[in-house]
Amino acid sequence: MKDIEEIVSQAGECLNCNNPKCKSKCPLENNIPQMIEKVKERDFEEAFNINTKTNPLRSNLWFSLSS
């Protein structure tokens, strides 16, 4: 499992992507760059909220994260 510092570091690298396809290729149309920006800012709750706005299984995700 990755630690928080590694996740935040990778979020910064991801935001510098020269060919971001994550948002246009996401079948749920999540705003992935916005979510990653929140991870970089260590605002994990808002990152979760952004990532689950269009996810029909959001209640299941919350349950698995809170367990």
C-alpha atoms as a PDB file:
ATOM      1  CA  MET A   1       0.000   0.000   0.000  1.00  0.00           C
ATOM      2  CA  LYS A   2       1.282   3.454  -0.868  1.00  0.00           C
ATOM      3  CA  ASP A   3       1.737   6.044   1.810  1.00  0.00           C
ATOM      4  CA  ILE A   4       0.210   9.519   1.701  1.00  0.00           C
ATOM      5  CA  GLU A   5       3.457  11.219   0.662  1.00  0.00           C
ATOM      6  CA  GLU A   6       3.839   8.935  -2.347  1.00  0.00           C
ATOM      7  CA  ILE A   7       0.225   9.479  -3.397  1.00  0.00           C
ATOM      8  CA  VAL A   8       0.542  13.276  -3.121  1.00  0.00           C
ATOM      9  CA  SER A   9       3.811  13.171  -5.079  1.00  0.00           C
ATOM     10  CA  GLN A  10       2.264  11.093  -7.847  1.00  0.00           C
ATOM     11  CA  ALA A  11      -0.705  13.466  -8.000  1.00  0.00           C
ATOM     12  CA  GLY A  12       1.682  16.318  -8.734  1.00  0.00           C
ATOM     13  CA  GLU A  13       3.331  14.312 -11.507  1.00  0.00           C
ATOM     14  CA  CYS A  14      -0.024  13.371 -12.973  1.00  0.00           C
ATOM     15  CA  LEU A  15      -1.106  17.005 -13.179  1.00  0.00           C
ATOM     16  CA  ASN A  16       1.937  17.706 -15.357  1.00  0.00           C
ATOM     17  CA  CYS A  17       0.829  15.137 -17.944  1.00  0.00           C
ATOM     18  CA  ASN A  18       1.312  16.385 -21.504  1.00  0.00           C
ATOM     19  CA  ASN A  19      -1.379  14.121 -22.907  1.00  0.00           C
ATOM     20  CA  PRO A  20      -4.188  13.844 -20.351  1.00  0.00           C
ATOM     21  CA  LYS A  21      -6.905  11.501 -21.526  1.00  0.00           C
ATOM     22  CA  CYS A  22      -8.217  10.581 -18.099  1.00  0.00           C
ATOM     23  CA  LYS A  23     -11.219  12.908 -18.129  1.00  0.00           C
ATOM     24  CA  SER A  24     -12.329  12.260 -21.709  1.00  0.00           C
ATOM     25  CA  LYS A  25     -11.854   8.486 -21.405  1.00  0.00           C
ATOM     26  CA  CYS A  26     -13.539   8.047 -18.022  1.00  0.00           C
ATOM     27  CA  PRO A  27     -16.822   6.155 -18.584  1.00  0.00           C
ATOM     28  CA  LEU A  28     -18.339   7.894 -15.551  1.00  0.00           C
ATOM     29  CA  GLU A  29     -17.243  11.332 -16.803  1.00  0.00           C
ATOM     30  CA  ASN A  30     -15.523  12.069 -13.500  1.00  0.00           C
ATOM     31  CA  ASN A  31     -13.466  15.248 -13.379  1.00  0.00           C
ATOM     32  CA  ILE A  32     -10.254  13.364 -12.721  1.00  0.00           C
ATOM     33  CA  PRO A  33      -7.859  16.335 -13.037  1.00  0.00           C
ATOM     34  CA  GLN A  34      -9.908  18.269 -10.461  1.00  0.00           C
ATOM     35  CA  MET A  35      -9.946  15.255  -8.147  1.00  0.00           C
ATOM     36  CA  ILE A  36      -6.180  14.830  -8.509  1.00  0.00           C
ATOM     37  CA  GLU A  37      -5.653  18.535  -7.760  1.00  0.00           C
ATOM     38  CA  LYS A  38      -7.515  18.037  -4.479  1.00  0.00           C
ATOM     39  CA  VAL A  39      -5.334  15.024  -3.662  1.00  0.00           C
ATOM     40  CA  LYS A  40      -2.261  17.167  -4.306  1.00  0.00           C
ATOM     41  CA  GLU A  41      -3.701  19.762  -1.897  1.00  0.00           C
ATOM     42  CA  ARG A  42      -4.324  16.935   0.620  1.00  0.00           C
ATOM     43  CA  ASP A  43      -8.049  17.668   0.559  1.00  0.00           C
ATOM     44  CA  PHE A  44      -8.943  13.988   0.423  1.00  0.00           C
ATOM     45  CA  GLU A  45     -12.561  14.466   1.421  1.00  0.00           C
ATOM     46  CA  GLU A  46     -13.200  16.842  -1.491  1.00  0.00           C
ATOM     47  CA  ALA A  47     -11.265  14.522  -3.834  1.00  0.00           C
ATOM     48  CA  PHE A  48     -13.597  11.720  -2.765  1.00  0.00           C
ATOM     49  CA  ASN A  49     -16.656  13.953  -3.284  1.00  0.00           C
ATOM     50  CA  ILE A  50     -15.528  14.912  -6.789  1.00  0.00           C
ATOM     51  CA  ASN A  51     -14.780  11.314  -7.681  1.00  0.00           C
ATOM     52  CA  THR A  52     -18.158  10.043  -6.504  1.00  0.00           C
ATOM     53  CA  LYS A  53     -20.419  12.740  -7.996  1.00  0.00           C
ATOM     54  CA  THR A  54     -21.056  10.699 -11.121  1.00  0.00           C
ATOM     55  CA  ASN A  55     -20.438   7.255  -9.693  1.00  0.00           C
ATOM     56  CA  PRO A  56     -23.617   5.174  -9.316  1.00  0.00           C
ATOM     57  CA  LEU A  57     -21.854   3.010  -6.723  1.00  0.00           C
ATOM     58  CA  ARG A  58     -20.777   5.893  -4.485  1.00  0.00           C
ATOM     59  CA  SER A  59     -22.480   4.501  -1.400  1.00  0.00           C
ATOM     60  CA  ASN A  60     -20.581   1.240  -1.851  1.00  0.00           C
ATOM     61  CA  LEU A  61     -17.313   3.154  -2.215  1.00  0.00           C
ATOM     62  CA  TRP A  62     -17.933   5.077   0.990  1.00  0.00           C
ATOM     63  CA  PHE A  63     -18.705   1.863   2.839  1.00  0.00           C
ATOM     64  CA  SER A  64     -15.496   0.206   1.639  1.00  0.00           C
ATOM     65  CA  LEU A  65     -13.395   3.282   2.485  1.00  0.00           C
ATOM     66  CA  SER A  66     -14.866   3.671   5.947  1.00  0.00           C
ATOM     67  CA  SER A  67     -14.528  -0.013   6.873  1.00  0.00           C
END
